[in-house]
C-alpha atoms as a PDB file:
ATOM      1  CA  UNK A   1       0.000   0.000   0.000  1.00  0.00           C
ATOM      2  CA  UNK A   2       1.284   3.441  -0.903  1.00  0.00           C
ATOM      3  CA  UNK A   3       1.549   6.154   1.724  1.00  0.00           C
ATOM      4  CA  UNK A   4       1.468   9.865   0.884  1.00  0.00           C
ATOM      5  CA  UNK A   5       3.076  12.473   3.097  1.00  0.00           C
ATOM      6  CA  UNK A   6       3.069  16.248   2.663  1.00  0.00           C
ATOM      7  CA  UNK A   7       6.705  17.360   2.724  1.00  0.00           C
ATOM      8  CA  UNK A   8       6.535  20.994   1.630  1.00  0.00           C
ATOM      9  CA  UNK A   9       4.207  23.826   0.663  1.00  0.00           C
ATOM     10  CA  UNK A  10       5.153  26.795  -1.457  1.00  0.00           C
ATOM     11  CA  UNK A  11       3.777  29.414  -3.837  1.00  0.00           C
ATOM     12  CA  UNK A  12       4.597  29.887  -7.488  1.00  0.00           C
ATOM     13  CA  UNK A  13       4.297  33.485  -8.699  1.00  0.00           C
ATOM     14  CA  UNK A  14       3.355  34.101 -12.326  1.00  0.00           C
ATOM     15  CA  UNK A  15       2.584  37.635 -13.535  1.00  0.00           C
ATOM     16  CA  UNK A  16       1.764  38.884 -10.049  1.00  0.00           C
ATOM     17  CA  UNK A  17      -0.544  35.953  -9.255  1.00  0.00           C
ATOM     18  CA  UNK A  18       0.380  33.440  -6.537  1.00  0.00           C
ATOM     19  CA  UNK A  19      -0.471  29.764  -7.020  1.00  0.00           C
ATOM     20  CA  UNK A  20      -0.215  27.404  -4.022  1.00  0.00           C
ATOM     21  CA  UNK A  21       1.944  24.316  -4.510  1.00  0.00           C
ATOM     22  CA  UNK A  22       1.974  21.212  -2.290  1.00  0.00           C
ATOM     23  CA  UNK A  23       4.756  18.621  -2.506  1.00  0.00           C
ATOM     24  CA  UNK A  24       4.162  15.030  -1.443  1.00  0.00           C
ATOM     25  CA  UNK A  25       6.396  12.030  -0.820  1.00  0.00           C
ATOM     26  CA  UNK A  26       5.051   8.596  -1.703  1.00  0.00           C
ATOM     27  CA  UNK A  27       6.539   5.273  -0.711  1.00  0.00           C
ATOM     28  CA  UNK A  28       5.783   2.790  -3.460  1.00  0.00           C
ATOM     29  CA  UNK A  29       4.944  -0.863  -2.937  1.00  0.00           C
ATOM     30  CA  UNK A  30       8.596  -1.627  -3.777  1.00  0.00           C
ATOM     31  CA  UNK A  31       9.797   0.670  -1.007  1.00  0.00           C
ATOM     32  CA  UNK A  32      11.194   3.428  -3.235  1.00  0.00           C
ATOM     33  CA  UNK A  33      10.336   7.085  -2.779  1.00  0.00           C
ATOM     34  CA  UNK A  34       8.586   9.152  -5.432  1.00  0.00           C
ATOM     35  CA  UNK A  35       7.511  12.761  -5.239  1.00  0.00           C
ATOM     36  CA  UNK A  36       4.529  14.636  -6.635  1.00  0.00           C
ATOM     37  CA  UNK A  37       3.269  18.182  -6.598  1.00  0.00           C
ATOM     38  CA  UNK A  38      -0.190  19.653  -6.824  1.00  0.00           C
ATOM     39  CA  UNK A  39      -0.555  23.212  -8.082  1.00  0.00           C
ATOM     40  CA  UNK A  40      -3.910  24.892  -7.541  1.00  0.00           C
ATOM     41  CA  UNK A  41      -4.712  27.116 -10.528  1.00  0.00           C
ATOM     42  CA  UNK A  42      -8.378  27.583  -9.650  1.00  0.00           C
ATOM     43  CA  UNK A  43     -11.142  26.087  -7.509  1.00  0.00           C
ATOM     44  CA  UNK A  44     -11.527  23.045  -9.768  1.00  0.00           C
ATOM     45  CA  UNK A  45      -8.260  23.312 -11.704  1.00  0.00           C
ATOM     46  CA  UNK A  46      -5.221  21.407 -10.461  1.00  0.00           C
ATOM     47  CA  UNK A  47      -1.936  20.501 -12.150  1.00  0.00           C
ATOM     48  CA  UNK A  48      -0.208  17.387 -10.817  1.00  0.00           C
ATOM     49  CA  UNK A  49       3.420  16.600 -11.671  1.00  0.00           C
ATOM     50  CA  UNK A  50       5.768  13.901 -10.433  1.00  0.00           C
ATOM     51  CA  UNK A  51       9.506  13.404 -10.144  1.00  0.00           C
ATOM     52  CA  UNK A  52      12.386  11.576  -8.493  1.00  0.00           C
ATOM     53  CA  UNK A  53      13.225  14.313  -5.963  1.00  0.00           C
ATOM     54  CA  UNK A  54      11.710  17.479  -4.542  1.00  0.00           C
ATOM     55  CA  UNK A  55      14.474  19.551  -6.151  1.00  0.00           C
ATOM     56  CA  UNK A  56      13.838  18.093  -9.603  1.00  0.00           C
ATOM     57  CA  UNK A  57      10.117  18.551  -9.084  1.00  0.00           C
ATOM     58  CA  UNK A  58      10.521  22.205  -8.074  1.00  0.00           C
ATOM     59  CA  UNK A  59      12.393  22.840 -11.325  1.00  0.00           C
ATOM     60  CA  UNK A  60       9.693  21.049 -13.308  1.00  0.00           C
ATOM     61  CA  UNK A  61       6.943  23.079 -11.613  1.00  0.00           C
ATOM     62  CA  UNK A  62       8.805  26.351 -12.260  1.00  0.00           C
ATOM     63  CA  UNK A  63       9.186  25.458 -15.951  1.00  0.00           C
ATOM     64  CA  UNK A  64       5.881  23.776 -16.820  1.00  0.00           C
ATOM     65  CA  UNK A  65       3.241  25.560 -14.745  1.00  0.00           C
ATOM     66  CA  UNK A  66       3.823  29.042 -16.254  1.00  0.00           C
ATOM     67  CA  UNK A  67       3.664  27.456 -19.717  1.00  0.00           C
ATOM     68  CA  UNK A  68       0.390  25.779 -18.750  1.00  0.00           C
ATOM     69  CA  UNK A  69      -1.059  29.055 -17.488  1.00  0.00           C
ATOM     70  CA  UNK A  70      -0.015  30.968 -20.625  1.00  0.00           C
ATOM     71  CA  UNK A  71      -1.312  28.281 -22.974  1.00  0.00           C
ATOM     72  CA  UNK A  72      -4.690  28.322 -21.230  1.00  0.00           C
ATOM     73  CA  UNK A  73      -4.834  32.099 -21.565  1.00  0.00           C
ATOM     74  CA  UNK A  74      -4.106  31.803 -25.281  1.00  0.00           C
ATOM     75  CA  UNK A  75      -6.782  29.140 -25.686  1.00  0.00           C
ATOM     76  CA  UNK A  76      -9.434  31.326 -24.052  1.00  0.00           C
ATOM     77  CA  UNK A  77      -8.514  34.275 -26.278  1.00  0.00           C
ATOM     78  CA  UNK A  78      -8.789  32.140 -29.408  1.00  0.00           C
ATOM     79  CA  UNK A  79     -12.216  30.803 -28.455  1.00  0.00           C
END
């Protein structure tokens, strides 16, 4: 059985807007550790990413979440 544990909370700032980020540690059934993050973009809009370490995951969040936000803004303008 996998266990999830909150290991860190943070905020990602994009264009003056703060987005809460939660980082979790998961022990897999094989006993290895994996990490995931949940970024809250809106009340029903979450982005979940995973990685091998919190540091690698922080870099992934910093790179991918702004791109996700900007692409969604572009999509709403085109609609």
